[in-house]
Amino acid sequence: MGFVLTGFRQYRSVRHYAFDYVSGKDKREACVVCADLNLLQKHKIPLQEVPLLCRRLLETADVGARERLEFSETDMLSYNANRSAQQKVNAKKKKHRVPVSPRVGLAWRGAKPEQK
């Protein structure tokens, strides 16, 4: 089925995100992922994205290691590398629209077109 965020607790600068792995009707397995807030700030990772990143880490982890994981600095560096690569791709896709004519929009503005 999947992972469901059940909450988090914070002790000093470390957040412990609690997840339940729902595999059947009534079968649930508790999982915890820790993330250091100082490292998140150092690598400029928004706090709103951390629960999804932790869930992604759980989805890729081995079944036996799911009980307690850490969102490490290596994971953060990998995330930043992927994010910057995606931003470059998005920047290339972005097209700057050039108006067809310098007179575009004059009709609704009520201005008279320039005469040459």
PDB file of N, CA and C in Angstrom:
ATOM      1  N   MET A   1       0.832  -1.191   0.000  1.00  0.00           N
ATOM      2  CA  MET A   1       0.000   0.000   0.000  1.00  0.00           C
ATOM      3  C   MET A   1       0.877   1.255   0.000  1.00  0.00           C
ATOM      4  N   GLY A   2       1.417   1.635   1.169  1.00  0.00           N
ATOM      5  CA  GLY A   2       2.250   2.828   1.193  1.00  0.00           C
ATOM      6  C   GLY A   2       2.537   3.323   2.586  1.00  0.00           C
ATOM      7  N   PHE A   3       3.245   4.447   2.635  1.00  0.00           N
ATOM      8  CA  PHE A   3       3.633   5.059   3.898  1.00  0.00           C
ATOM      9  C   PHE A   3       2.726   6.236   4.204  1.00  0.00           C
ATOM     10  N   VAL A   4       2.346   6.349   5.482  1.00  0.00           N
ATOM     11  CA  VAL A   4       1.473   7.423   5.933  1.00  0.00           C
ATOM     12  C   VAL A   4       2.186   8.165   7.056  1.00  0.00           C
ATOM     13  N   LEU A   5       2.336   9.480   6.902  1.00  0.00           N
ATOM     14  CA  LEU A   5       2.959  10.299   7.937  1.00  0.00           C
ATOM     15  C   LEU A   5       2.001  10.409   9.115  1.00  0.00           C
ATOM     16  N   THR A   6       2.470  10.046  10.302  1.00  0.00           N
ATOM     17  CA  THR A   6       1.619  10.109  11.489  1.00  0.00           C
ATOM     18  C   THR A   6       1.991  11.261  12.406  1.00  0.00           C
ATOM     19  N   GLY A   7       3.109  11.915  12.134  1.00  0.00           N
ATOM     20  CA  GLY A   7       3.503  13.064  12.943  1.00  0.00           C
ATOM     21  C   GLY A   7       5.013  13.165  13.054  1.00  0.00           C
ATOM     22  N   PHE A   8       5.441  14.116  13.874  1.00  0.00           N
ATOM     23  CA  PHE A   8       6.871  14.252  14.118  1.00  0.00           C
ATOM     24  C   PHE A   8       7.095  14.772  15.526  1.00  0.00           C
ATOM     25  N   ARG A   9       8.280  14.526  16.017  1.00  0.00           N
ATOM     26  CA  ARG A   9       8.732  15.067  17.297  1.00  0.00           C
ATOM     27  C   ARG A   9      10.099  15.683  17.070  1.00  0.00           C
ATOM     28  N   GLN A  10      10.366  16.733  17.821  1.00  0.00           N
ATOM     29  CA  GLN A  10      11.648  17.396  17.658  1.00  0.00           C
ATOM     30  C   GLN A  10      12.380  17.413  18.984  1.00  0.00           C
ATOM     31  N   TYR A  11      13.630  16.999  18.946  1.00  0.00           N
ATOM     32  CA  TYR A  11      14.498  17.064  20.111  1.00  0.00           C
ATOM     33  C   TYR A  11      15.730  17.844  19.704  1.00  0.00           C
ATOM     34  N   ARG A  12      15.876  19.017  20.279  1.00  0.00           N
ATOM     35  CA  ARG A  12      16.935  19.958  19.912  1.00  0.00           C
ATOM     36  C   ARG A  12      16.848  20.285  18.434  1.00  0.00           C
ATOM     37  N   SER A  13      17.844  19.945  17.640  1.00  0.00           N
ATOM     38  CA  SER A  13      17.813  20.318  16.223  1.00  0.00           C
ATOM     39  C   SER A  13      17.536  19.121  15.314  1.00  0.00           C
ATOM     40  N   VAL A  14      16.983  18.049  15.878  1.00  0.00           N
ATOM     41  CA  VAL A  14      16.695  16.855  15.080  1.00  0.00           C
ATOM     42  C   VAL A  14      15.194  16.566  15.125  1.00  0.00           C
ATOM     43  N   ARG A  15      14.622  16.426  13.940  1.00  0.00           N
ATOM     44  CA  ARG A  15      13.209  16.043  13.852  1.00  0.00           C
ATOM     45  C   ARG A  15      13.116  14.564  13.543  1.00  0.00           C
ATOM     46  N   HIS A  16      12.198  13.914  14.240  1.00  0.00           N
ATOM     47  CA  HIS A  16      11.938  12.489  14.040  1.00  0.00           C
ATOM     48  C   HIS A  16      10.546  12.371  13.420  1.00  0.00           C
ATOM     49  N   TYR A  17      10.512  12.031  12.132  1.00  0.00           N
ATOM     50  CA  TYR A  17       9.246  11.890  11.415  1.00  0.00           C
ATOM     51  C   TYR A  17       8.765  10.451  11.558  1.00  0.00           C
ATOM     52  N   ALA A  18       7.538  10.297  12.054  1.00  0.00           N
ATOM     53  CA  ALA A  18       6.960   8.972  12.262  1.00  0.00           C
ATOM     54  C   ALA A  18       6.034   8.627  11.092  1.00  0.00           C
ATOM     55  N   PHE A  19       6.228   7.421  10.567  1.00  0.00           N
ATOM     56  CA  PHE A  19       5.416   6.914   9.462  1.00  0.00           C
ATOM     57  C   PHE A  19       4.861   5.552   9.841  1.00  0.00           C
ATOM     58  N   ASP A  20       3.729   5.215   9.264  1.00  0.00           N
ATOM     59  CA  ASP A  20       3.186   3.859   9.343  1.00  0.00           C
ATOM     60  C   ASP A  20       3.209   3.277   7.947  1.00  0.00           C
ATOM     61  N   TYR A  21       3.739   2.068   7.825  1.00  0.00           N
ATOM     62  CA  TYR A  21       3.691   1.376   6.546  1.00  0.00           C
ATOM     63  C   TYR A  21       2.453   0.500   6.557  1.00  0.00           C
ATOM     64  N   VAL A  22       1.511   0.812   5.689  1.00  0.00           N
ATOM     65  CA  VAL A  22       0.255   0.074   5.620  1.00  0.00           C
ATOM     66  C   VAL A  22       0.390  -0.940   4.493  1.00  0.00           C
ATOM     67  N   SER A  23       0.402  -2.228   4.866  1.00  0.00           N
ATOM     68  CA  SER A  23       0.584  -3.261   3.856  1.00  0.00           C
ATOM     69  C   SER A  23      -0.653  -4.113   3.639  1.00  0.00           C
ATOM     70  N   GLY A  24      -1.584  -4.037   4.523  1.00  0.00           N
ATOM     71  CA  GLY A  24      -2.804  -4.818   4.389  1.00  0.00           C
ATOM     72  C   GLY A  24      -3.956  -4.072   5.033  1.00  0.00           C
ATOM     73  N   LYS A  25      -5.026  -4.814   5.310  1.00  0.00           N
ATOM     74  CA  LYS A  25      -6.188  -4.169   5.916  1.00  0.00           C
ATOM     75  C   LYS A  25      -5.870  -3.600   7.293  1.00  0.00           C
ATOM     76  N   ASP A  26      -5.375  -4.436   8.175  1.00  0.00           N
ATOM     77  CA  ASP A  26      -5.083  -3.991   9.540  1.00  0.00           C
ATOM     78  C   ASP A  26      -3.611  -4.127   9.892  1.00  0.00           C
ATOM     79  N   LYS A  27      -2.778  -4.345   8.903  1.00  0.00           N
ATOM     80  CA  LYS A  27      -1.359  -4.559   9.175  1.00  0.00           C
ATOM     81  C   LYS A  27      -0.599  -3.251   8.996  1.00  0.00           C
ATOM     82  N   ARG A  28       0.020  -2.773  10.087  1.00  0.00           N
ATOM     83  CA  ARG A  28       0.795  -1.534  10.064  1.00  0.00           C
ATOM     84  C   ARG A  28       2.157  -1.775  10.699  1.00  0.00           C
ATOM     85  N   GLU A  29       3.148  -1.105  10.147  1.00  0.00           N
ATOM     86  CA  GLU A  29       4.509  -1.213  10.659  1.00  0.00           C
ATOM     87  C   GLU A  29       5.015   0.207  10.907  1.00  0.00           C
ATOM     88  N   ALA A  30       5.520   0.477  12.116  1.00  0.00           N
ATOM     89  CA  ALA A  30       6.002   1.815  12.468  1.00  0.00           C
ATOM     90  C   ALA A  30       7.418   2.031  11.930  1.00  0.00           C
ATOM     91  N   CYS A  31       7.641   3.218  11.366  1.00  0.00           N
ATOM     92  CA  CYS A  31       8.949   3.598  10.835  1.00  0.00           C
ATOM     93  C   CYS A  31       9.253   5.022  11.274  1.00  0.00           C
ATOM     94  N   VAL A  32      10.540   5.310  11.498  1.00  0.00           N
ATOM     95  CA  VAL A  32      10.961   6.647  11.899  1.00  0.00           C
ATOM     96  C   VAL A  32      12.139   7.083  11.040  1.00  0.00           C
ATOM     97  N   VAL A  33      12.086   8.340  10.574  1.00  0.00           N
ATOM     98  CA  VAL A  33      13.190   8.920   9.816  1.00  0.00           C
ATOM     99  C   VAL A  33      13.609  10.206  10.520  1.00  0.00           C
ATOM    100  N   CYS A  34      14.902  10.316  10.819  1.00  0.00           N
ATOM    101  CA  CYS A  34      15.440  11.490  11.498  1.00  0.00           C
ATOM    102  C   CYS A  34      16.068  12.440  10.486  1.00  0.00           C
ATOM    103  N   ALA A  35      15.915  13.744  10.738  1.00  0.00           N
ATOM    104  CA  ALA A  35      16.513  14.755   9.873  1.00  0.00           C
ATOM    105  C   ALA A  35      17.055  15.888  10.743  1.00  0.00           C
ATOM    106  N   ASP A  36      18.304  16.255  10.505  1.00  0.00           N
ATOM    107  CA  ASP A  36      18.955  17.325  11.261  1.00  0.00           C
ATOM    108  C   ASP A  36      18.583  18.671  10.635  1.00  0.00           C
ATOM    109  N   LEU A  37      17.952  19.541  11.422  1.00  0.00           N
ATOM    110  CA  LEU A  37      17.485  20.820  10.909  1.00  0.00           C
ATOM    111  C   LEU A  37      18.640  21.747  10.537  1.00  0.00           C
ATOM    112  N   ASN A  38      19.756  21.640  11.231  1.00  0.00           N
ATOM    113  CA  ASN A  38      20.913  22.469  10.895  1.00  0.00           C
ATOM    114  C   ASN A  38      21.451  22.128   9.505  1.00  0.00           C
ATOM    115  N   LEU A  39      21.489  20.842   9.182  1.00  0.00           N
ATOM    116  CA  LEU A  39      21.952  20.427   7.855  1.00  0.00           C
ATOM    117  C   LEU A  39      20.956  20.841   6.774  1.00  0.00           C
ATOM    118  N   LEU A  40      19.668  20.749   7.092  1.00  0.00           N
ATOM    119  CA  LEU A  40      18.653  21.173   6.132  1.00  0.00           C
ATOM    120  C   LEU A  40      18.810  22.658   5.808  1.00  0.00           C
ATOM    121  N   GLN A  41      19.065  23.449   6.822  1.00  0.00           N
ATOM    122  CA  GLN A  41      19.250  24.879   6.621  1.00  0.00           C
ATOM    123  C   GLN A  41      20.546  25.148   5.850  1.00  0.00           C
ATOM    124  N   LYS A  42      21.590  24.404   6.168  1.00  0.00           N
ATOM    125  CA  LYS A  42      22.879  24.562   5.482  1.00  0.00           C
ATOM    126  C   LYS A  42      22.735  24.301   3.982  1.00  0.00           C
ATOM    127  N   HIS A  43      21.952  23.286   3.612  1.00  0.00           N
ATOM    128  CA  HIS A  43      21.779  22.910   2.211  1.00  0.00           C
ATOM    129  C   HIS A  43      20.551  23.560   1.572  1.00  0.00           C
ATOM    130  N   LYS A  44      19.926  24.480   2.299  1.00  0.00           N
ATOM    131  CA  LYS A  44      18.784  25.268   1.798  1.00  0.00           C
ATOM    132  C   LYS A  44      17.647  24.388   1.293  1.00  0.00           C
ATOM    133  N   ILE A  45      17.307  23.379   2.075  1.00  0.00           N
ATOM    134  CA  ILE A  45      16.183  22.505   1.757  1.00  0.00           C
ATOM    135  C   ILE A  45      14.972  23.003   2.543  1.00  0.00           C
ATOM    136  N   PRO A  46      13.886  23.362   1.865  1.00  0.00           N
ATOM    137  CA  PRO A  46      12.702  23.854   2.564  1.00  0.00           C
ATOM    138  C   PRO A  46      12.120  22.799   3.514  1.00  0.00           C
ATOM    139  N   LEU A  47      11.718  23.246   4.667  1.00  0.00           N
ATOM    140  CA  LEU A  47      11.190  22.341   5.694  1.00  0.00           C
ATOM    141  C   LEU A  47       9.916  21.636   5.226  1.00  0.00           C
ATOM    142  N   GLN A  48       9.158  22.274   4.337  1.00  0.00           N
ATOM    143  CA  GLN A  48       7.920  21.685   3.846  1.00  0.00           C
ATOM    144  C   GLN A  48       8.174  20.447   2.988  1.00  0.00           C
ATOM    145  N   GLU A  49       9.355  20.349   2.392  1.00  0.00           N
ATOM    146  CA  GLU A  49       9.667  19.226   1.511  1.00  0.00           C
ATOM    147  C   GLU A  49      10.209  18.012   2.253  1.00  0.00           C
ATOM    148  N   VAL A  50      10.602  18.174   3.497  1.00  0.00           N
ATOM    149  CA  VAL A  50      11.279  17.101   4.230  1.00  0.00           C
ATOM    150  C   VAL A  50      10.404  15.862   4.431  1.00  0.00           C
ATOM    151  N   PRO A  51       9.121  15.975   4.798  1.00  0.00           N
ATOM    152  CA  PRO A  51       8.320  14.753   4.958  1.00  0.00           C
ATOM    153  C   PRO A  51       8.254  13.910   3.677  1.00  0.00           C
ATOM    154  N   LEU A  52       8.116  14.563   2.518  1.00  0.00           N
ATOM    155  CA  LEU A  52       8.085  13.804   1.262  1.00  0.00           C
ATOM    156  C   LEU A  52       9.437  13.175   0.954  1.00  0.00           C
ATOM    157  N   LEU A  53      10.506  13.887   1.263  1.00  0.00           N
ATOM    158  CA  LEU A  53      11.841  13.334   1.048  1.00  0.00           C
ATOM    159  C   LEU A  53      12.088  12.138   1.964  1.00  0.00           C
ATOM    160  N   CYS A  54      11.594  12.224   3.189  1.00  0.00           N
ATOM    161  CA  CYS A  54      11.722  11.096   4.128  1.00  0.00           C
ATOM    162  C   CYS A  54      10.915   9.895   3.632  1.00  0.00           C
ATOM    163  N   ARG A  55       9.730  10.154   3.113  1.00  0.00           N
ATOM    164  CA  ARG A  55       8.916   9.056   2.577  1.00  0.00           C
ATOM    165  C   ARG A  55       9.602   8.396   1.385  1.00  0.00           C
ATOM    166  N   ARG A  56      10.204   9.211   0.527  1.00  0.00           N
ATOM    167  CA  ARG A  56      10.937   8.669  -0.619  1.00  0.00           C
ATOM    168  C   ARG A  56      12.119   7.813  -0.153  1.00  0.00           C
ATOM    169  N   LEU A  57      12.769   8.244   0.922  1.00  0.00           N
ATOM    170  CA  LEU A  57      13.873   7.471   1.497  1.00  0.00           C
ATOM    171  C   LEU A  57      13.372   6.127   2.017  1.00  0.00           C
ATOM    172  N   LEU A  58      12.216   6.130   2.662  1.00  0.00           N
ATOM    173  CA  LEU A  58      11.625   4.888   3.152  1.00  0.00           C
ATOM    174  C   LEU A  58      11.254   3.948   2.010  1.00  0.00           C
ATOM    175  N   GLU A  59      10.743   4.512   0.926  1.00  0.00           N
ATOM    176  CA  GLU A  59      10.322   3.686  -0.209  1.00  0.00           C
ATOM    177  C   GLU A  59      11.504   2.990  -0.876  1.00  0.00           C
ATOM    178  N   THR A  60      12.683   3.609  -0.821  1.00  0.00           N
ATOM    179  CA  THR A  60      13.861   3.017  -1.458  1.00  0.00           C
ATOM    180  C   THR A  60      14.690   2.168  -0.502  1.00  0.00           C
ATOM    181  N   ALA A  61      14.383   2.200   0.793  1.00  0.00           N
ATOM    182  CA  ALA A  61      15.165   1.462   1.789  1.00  0.00           C
ATOM    183  C   ALA A  61      14.794  -0.016   1.793  1.00  0.00           C
ATOM    184  N   ASP A  62      15.714  -0.825   2.291  1.00  0.00           N
ATOM    185  CA  ASP A  62      15.441  -2.251   2.460  1.00  0.00           C
ATOM    186  C   ASP A  62      14.388  -2.444   3.537  1.00  0.00           C
ATOM    187  N   VAL A  63      13.654  -3.527   3.435  1.00  0.00           N
ATOM    188  CA  VAL A  63      12.553  -3.790   4.359  1.00  0.00           C
ATOM    189  C   VAL A  63      13.031  -3.849   5.808  1.00  0.00           C
ATOM    190  N   GLY A  64      14.169  -4.468   6.056  1.00  0.00           N
ATOM    191  CA  GLY A  64      14.671  -4.596   7.424  1.00  0.00           C
ATOM    192  C   GLY A  64      15.203  -3.299   8.009  1.00  0.00           C
ATOM    193  N   ALA A  65      15.577  -2.351   7.168  1.00  0.00           N
ATOM    194  CA  ALA A  65      16.174  -1.097   7.641  1.00  0.00           C
ATOM    195  C   ALA A  65      15.157   0.022   7.784  1.00  0.00           C
ATOM    196  N   ARG A  66      13.893  -0.255   7.549  1.00  0.00           N
ATOM    197  CA  ARG A  66      12.874   0.797   7.579  1.00  0.00           C
ATOM    198  C   ARG A  66      12.533   1.284   8.976  1.00  0.00           C
ATOM    199  N   GLU A  67      12.823   0.494   9.969  1.00  0.00           N
ATOM    200  CA  GLU A  67      12.382   0.832  11.316  1.00  0.00           C
ATOM    201  C   GLU A  67      12.944   2.174  11.783  1.00  0.00           C
ATOM    202  N   ARG A  68      14.215   2.431  11.486  1.00  0.00           N
ATOM    203  CA  ARG A  68      14.837   3.688  11.908  1.00  0.00           C
ATOM    204  C   ARG A  68      15.875   4.098  10.865  1.00  0.00           C
ATOM    205  N   LEU A  69      15.608   5.205  10.182  1.00  0.00           N
ATOM    206  CA  LEU A  69      16.506   5.720   9.152  1.00  0.00           C
ATOM    207  C   LEU A  69      16.891   7.159   9.456  1.00  0.00           C
ATOM    208  N   GLU A  70      17.928   7.618   8.758  1.00  0.00           N
ATOM    209  CA  GLU A  70      18.355   9.006   8.894  1.00  0.00           C
ATOM    210  C   GLU A  70      18.453   9.634   7.508  1.00  0.00           C
ATOM    211  N   PHE A  71      17.863  10.823   7.372  1.00  0.00           N
ATOM    212  CA  PHE A  71      18.000  11.602   6.152  1.00  0.00           C
ATOM    213  C   PHE A  71      19.342  12.315   6.267  1.00  0.00           C
ATOM    214  N   SER A  72      20.373  11.694   5.715  1.00  0.00           N
ATOM    215  CA  SER A  72      21.749  12.126   5.945  1.00  0.00           C
ATOM    216  C   SER A  72      22.157  13.276   5.026  1.00  0.00           C
ATOM    217  N   GLU A  73      23.353  13.789   5.286  1.00  0.00           N
ATOM    218  CA  GLU A  73      23.884  14.876   4.462  1.00  0.00           C
ATOM    219  C   GLU A  73      24.128  14.405   3.030  1.00  0.00           C
ATOM    220  N   THR A  74      24.496  13.145   2.872  1.00  0.00           N
ATOM    221  CA  THR A  74      24.675  12.581   1.533  1.00  0.00           C
ATOM    222  C   THR A  74      23.364  12.607   0.760  1.00  0.00           C
ATOM    223  N   ASP A  75      22.264  12.253   1.429  1.00  0.00           N
ATOM    224  CA  ASP A  75      20.943  12.309   0.795  1.00  0.00           C
ATOM    225  C   ASP A  75      20.579  13.742   0.413  1.00  0.00           C
ATOM    226  N   MET A  76      20.941  14.685   1.274  1.00  0.00           N
ATOM    227  CA  MET A  76      20.641  16.092   1.003  1.00  0.00           C
ATOM    228  C   MET A  76      21.431  16.595  -0.196  1.00  0.00           C
ATOM    229  N   LEU A  77      22.701  16.208  -0.288  1.00  0.00           N
ATOM    230  CA  LEU A  77      23.528  16.611  -1.428  1.00  0.00           C
ATOM    231  C   LEU A  77      22.980  16.026  -2.722  1.00  0.00           C
ATOM    232  N   SER A  78      22.543  14.791  -2.662  1.00  0.00           N
ATOM    233  CA  SER A  78      21.952  14.144  -3.829  1.00  0.00           C
ATOM    234  C   SER A  78      20.672  14.870  -4.247  1.00  0.00           C
ATOM    235  N   TYR A  79      19.851  15.223  -3.283  1.00  0.00           N
ATOM    236  CA  TYR A  79      18.615  15.942  -3.563  1.00  0.00           C
ATOM    237  C   TYR A  79      18.915  17.292  -4.216  1.00  0.00           C
ATOM    238  N   ASN A  80      19.898  18.023  -3.677  1.00  0.00           N
ATOM    239  CA  ASN A  80      20.254  19.326  -4.237  1.00  0.00           C
ATOM    240  C   ASN A  80      20.787  19.206  -5.663  1.00  0.00           C
ATOM    241  N   ALA A  81      21.566  18.172  -5.931  1.00  0.00           N
ATOM    242  CA  ALA A  81      22.092  17.963  -7.280  1.00  0.00           C
ATOM    243  C   ALA A  81      20.948  17.707  -8.258  1.00  0.00           C
ATOM    244  N   ASN A  82      19.996  16.870  -7.860  1.00  0.00           N
ATOM    245  CA  ASN A  82      18.835  16.590  -8.711  1.00  0.00           C
ATOM    246  C   ASN A  82      17.978  17.836  -8.914  1.00  0.00           C
ATOM    247  N   ARG A  83      17.836  18.613  -7.843  1.00  0.00           N
ATOM    248  CA  ARG A  83      17.010  19.817  -7.917  1.00  0.00           C
ATOM    249  C   ARG A  83      17.640  20.850  -8.856  1.00  0.00           C
ATOM    250  N   SER A  84      18.961  21.042  -8.761  1.00  0.00           N
ATOM    251  CA  SER A  84      19.599  22.020  -9.641  1.00  0.00           C
ATOM    252  C   SER A  84      19.574  21.559 -11.094  1.00  0.00           C
ATOM    253  N   ALA A  85      19.715  20.261 -11.324  1.00  0.00           N
ATOM    254  CA  ALA A  85      19.621  19.739 -12.696  1.00  0.00           C
ATOM    255  C   ALA A  85      18.219  19.962 -13.252  1.00  0.00           C
ATOM    256  N   GLN A  86      17.209  19.742 -12.443  1.00  0.00           N
ATOM    257  CA  GLN A  86      15.821  19.951 -12.884  1.00  0.00           C
ATOM    258  C   GLN A  86      15.553  21.432 -13.153  1.00  0.00           C
ATOM    259  N   GLN A  87      16.136  22.312 -12.342  1.00  0.00           N
ATOM    260  CA  GLN A  87      15.954  23.742 -12.562  1.00  0.00           C
ATOM    261  C   GLN A  87      16.585  24.182 -13.883  1.00  0.00           C
ATOM    262  N   LYS A  88      17.728  23.589 -14.241  1.00  0.00           N
ATOM    263  CA  LYS A  88      18.370  23.910 -15.511  1.00  0.00           C
ATOM    264  C   LYS A  88      17.503  23.455 -16.683  1.00  0.00           C
ATOM    265  N   VAL A  89      16.925  22.262 -16.567  1.00  0.00           N
ATOM    266  CA  VAL A  89      16.043  21.755 -17.620  1.00  0.00           C
ATOM    267  C   VAL A  89      14.822  22.661 -17.757  1.00  0.00           C
ATOM    268  N   ASN A  90      14.246  23.069 -16.635  1.00  0.00           N
ATOM    269  CA  ASN A  90      13.065  23.939 -16.671  1.00  0.00           C
ATOM    270  C   ASN A  90      13.399  25.300 -17.275  1.00  0.00           C
ATOM    271  N   ALA A  91      14.601  25.813 -16.988  1.00  0.00           N
ATOM    272  CA  ALA A  91      14.999  27.108 -17.537  1.00  0.00           C
ATOM    273  C   ALA A  91      15.144  27.031 -19.054  1.00  0.00           C
ATOM    274  N   LYS A  92      15.632  25.897 -19.557  1.00  0.00           N
ATOM    275  CA  LYS A  92      15.767  25.735 -21.003  1.00  0.00           C
ATOM    276  C   LYS A  92      14.406  25.637 -21.678  1.00  0.00           C
ATOM    277  N   LYS A  93      13.449  25.026 -21.000  1.00  0.00           N
ATOM    278  CA  LYS A  93      12.106  24.861 -21.560  1.00  0.00           C
ATOM    279  C   LYS A  93      11.336  26.174 -21.594  1.00  0.00           C
ATOM    280  N   LYS A  94      11.672  27.054 -20.675  1.00  0.00           N
ATOM    281  CA  LYS A  94      10.936  28.299 -20.545  1.00  0.00           C
ATOM    282  C   LYS A  94      11.162  29.167 -21.780  1.00  0.00           C
ATOM    283  N   LYS A  95      10.089  29.575 -22.399  1.00  0.00           N
ATOM    284  CA  LYS A  95      10.183  30.405 -23.587  1.00  0.00           C
ATOM    285  C   LYS A  95       9.758  31.828 -23.235  1.00  0.00           C
ATOM    286  N   HIS A  96      10.482  32.754 -23.768  1.00  0.00           N
ATOM    287  CA  HIS A  96      10.120  34.154 -23.589  1.00  0.00           C
ATOM    288  C   HIS A  96       9.285  34.575 -24.789  1.00  0.00           C
ATOM    289  N   ARG A  97       8.100  35.008 -24.510  1.00  0.00           N
ATOM    290  CA  ARG A  97       7.194  35.388 -25.592  1.00  0.00           C
ATOM    291  C   ARG A  97       7.458  36.831 -26.001  1.00  0.00           C
ATOM    292  N   VAL A  98       7.607  37.018 -27.276  1.00  0.00           N
ATOM    293  CA  VAL A  98       7.812  38.340 -27.848  1.00  0.00           C
ATOM    294  C   VAL A  98       6.508  38.752 -28.518  1.00  0.00           C
ATOM    295  N   PRO A  99       6.029  39.959 -28.245  1.00  0.00           N
ATOM    296  CA  PRO A  99       4.783  40.392 -28.875  1.00  0.00           C
ATOM    297  C   PRO A  99       4.911  40.392 -30.398  1.00  0.00           C
ATOM    298  N   VAL A 100       3.812  40.093 -31.060  1.00  0.00           N
ATOM    299  CA  VAL A 100       3.785  40.047 -32.506  1.00  0.00           C
ATOM    300  C   VAL A 100       4.023  41.436 -33.082  1.00  0.00           C
ATOM    301  N   SER A 101       3.478  42.438 -32.434  1.00  0.00           N
ATOM    302  CA  SER A 101       3.575  43.805 -32.926  1.00  0.00           C
ATOM    303  C   SER A 101       3.710  44.744 -31.725  1.00  0.00           C
ATOM    304  N   PRO A 102       4.374  45.864 -31.892  1.00  0.00           N
ATOM    305  CA  PRO A 102       4.445  46.806 -30.767  1.00  0.00           C
ATOM    306  C   PRO A 102       3.098  47.465 -30.483  1.00  0.00           C
ATOM    307  N   ARG A 103       2.132  47.274 -31.384  1.00  0.00           N
ATOM    308  CA  ARG A 103       0.821  47.888 -31.216  1.00  0.00           C
ATOM    309  C   ARG A 103      -0.176  46.947 -30.548  1.00  0.00           C
ATOM    310  N   VAL A 104       0.249  45.799 -30.092  1.00  0.00           N
ATOM    311  CA  VAL A 104      -0.659  44.828 -29.485  1.00  0.00           C
ATOM    312  C   VAL A 104      -1.287  45.446 -28.241  1.00  0.00           C
ATOM    313  N   GLY A 105      -2.586  45.348 -28.150  1.00  0.00           N
ATOM    314  CA  GLY A 105      -3.311  45.839 -26.989  1.00  0.00           C
ATOM    315  C   GLY A 105      -3.797  47.265 -27.111  1.00  0.00           C
ATOM    316  N   LEU A 106      -3.491  47.947 -28.193  1.00  0.00           N
ATOM    317  CA  LEU A 106      -3.923  49.343 -28.331  1.00  0.00           C
ATOM    318  C   LEU A 106      -5.429  49.470 -28.445  1.00  0.00           C
ATOM    319  N   ALA A 107      -6.095  48.492 -29.024  1.00  0.00           N
ATOM    320  CA  ALA A 107      -7.537  48.574 -29.223  1.00  0.00           C
ATOM    321  C   ALA A 107      -8.277  48.647 -27.889  1.00  0.00           C
ATOM    322  N   TRP A 108      -7.931  47.848 -26.947  1.00  0.00           N
ATOM    323  CA  TRP A 108      -8.654  47.868 -25.685  1.00  0.00           C
ATOM    324  C   TRP A 108      -8.163  48.961 -24.761  1.00  0.00           C
ATOM    325  N   ARG A 109      -6.988  49.508 -25.025  1.00  0.00           N
ATOM    326  CA  ARG A 109      -6.488  50.605 -24.195  1.00  0.00           C
ATOM    327  C   ARG A 109      -7.073  51.940 -24.628  1.00  0.00           C
ATOM    328  N   GLY A 110      -7.604  51.989 -25.834  1.00  0.00           N
ATOM    329  CA  GLY A 110      -8.197  53.215 -26.318  1.00  0.00           C
ATOM    330  C   GLY A 110      -7.182  54.195 -26.896  1.00  0.00           C
ATOM    331  N   ALA A 111      -5.961  53.771 -27.047  1.00  0.00           N
ATOM    332  CA  ALA A 111      -4.935  54.652 -27.592  1.00  0.00           C
ATOM    333  C   ALA A 111      -4.963  54.579 -29.112  1.00  0.00           C
ATOM    334  N   LYS A 112      -4.550  55.650 -29.705  1.00  0.00           N
ATOM    335  CA  LYS A 112      -4.492  55.673 -31.150  1.00  0.00           C
ATOM    336  C   LYS A 112      -3.130  55.149 -31.587  1.00  0.00           C
ATOM    337  N   PRO A 113      -3.094  54.349 -32.642  1.00  0.00           N
ATOM    338  CA  PRO A 113      -1.822  53.829 -33.113  1.00  0.00           C
ATOM    339  C   PRO A 113      -0.910  54.937 -33.605  1.00  0.00           C
ATOM    340  N   GLU A 114       0.368  54.704 -33.447  1.00  0.00           N
ATOM    341  CA  GLU A 114       1.359  55.697 -33.895  1.00  0.00           C
ATOM    342  C   GLU A 114       1.328  55.802 -35.404  1.00  0.00           C
ATOM    343  N   GLN A 115       1.434  57.014 -35.889  1.00  0.00           N
ATOM    344  CA  GLN A 115       1.464  57.199 -37.334  1.00  0.00           C
ATOM    345  C   GLN A 115       2.878  57.530 -37.760  1.00  0.00           C
ATOM    346  N   LYS A 116       3.248  56.975 -38.867  1.00  0.00           N
ATOM    347  CA  LYS A 116       4.613  57.178 -39.351  1.00  0.00           C
ATOM    348  C   LYS A 116       4.663  58.138 -40.482  1.00  0.00           C
TER     349      LYS A 116
END
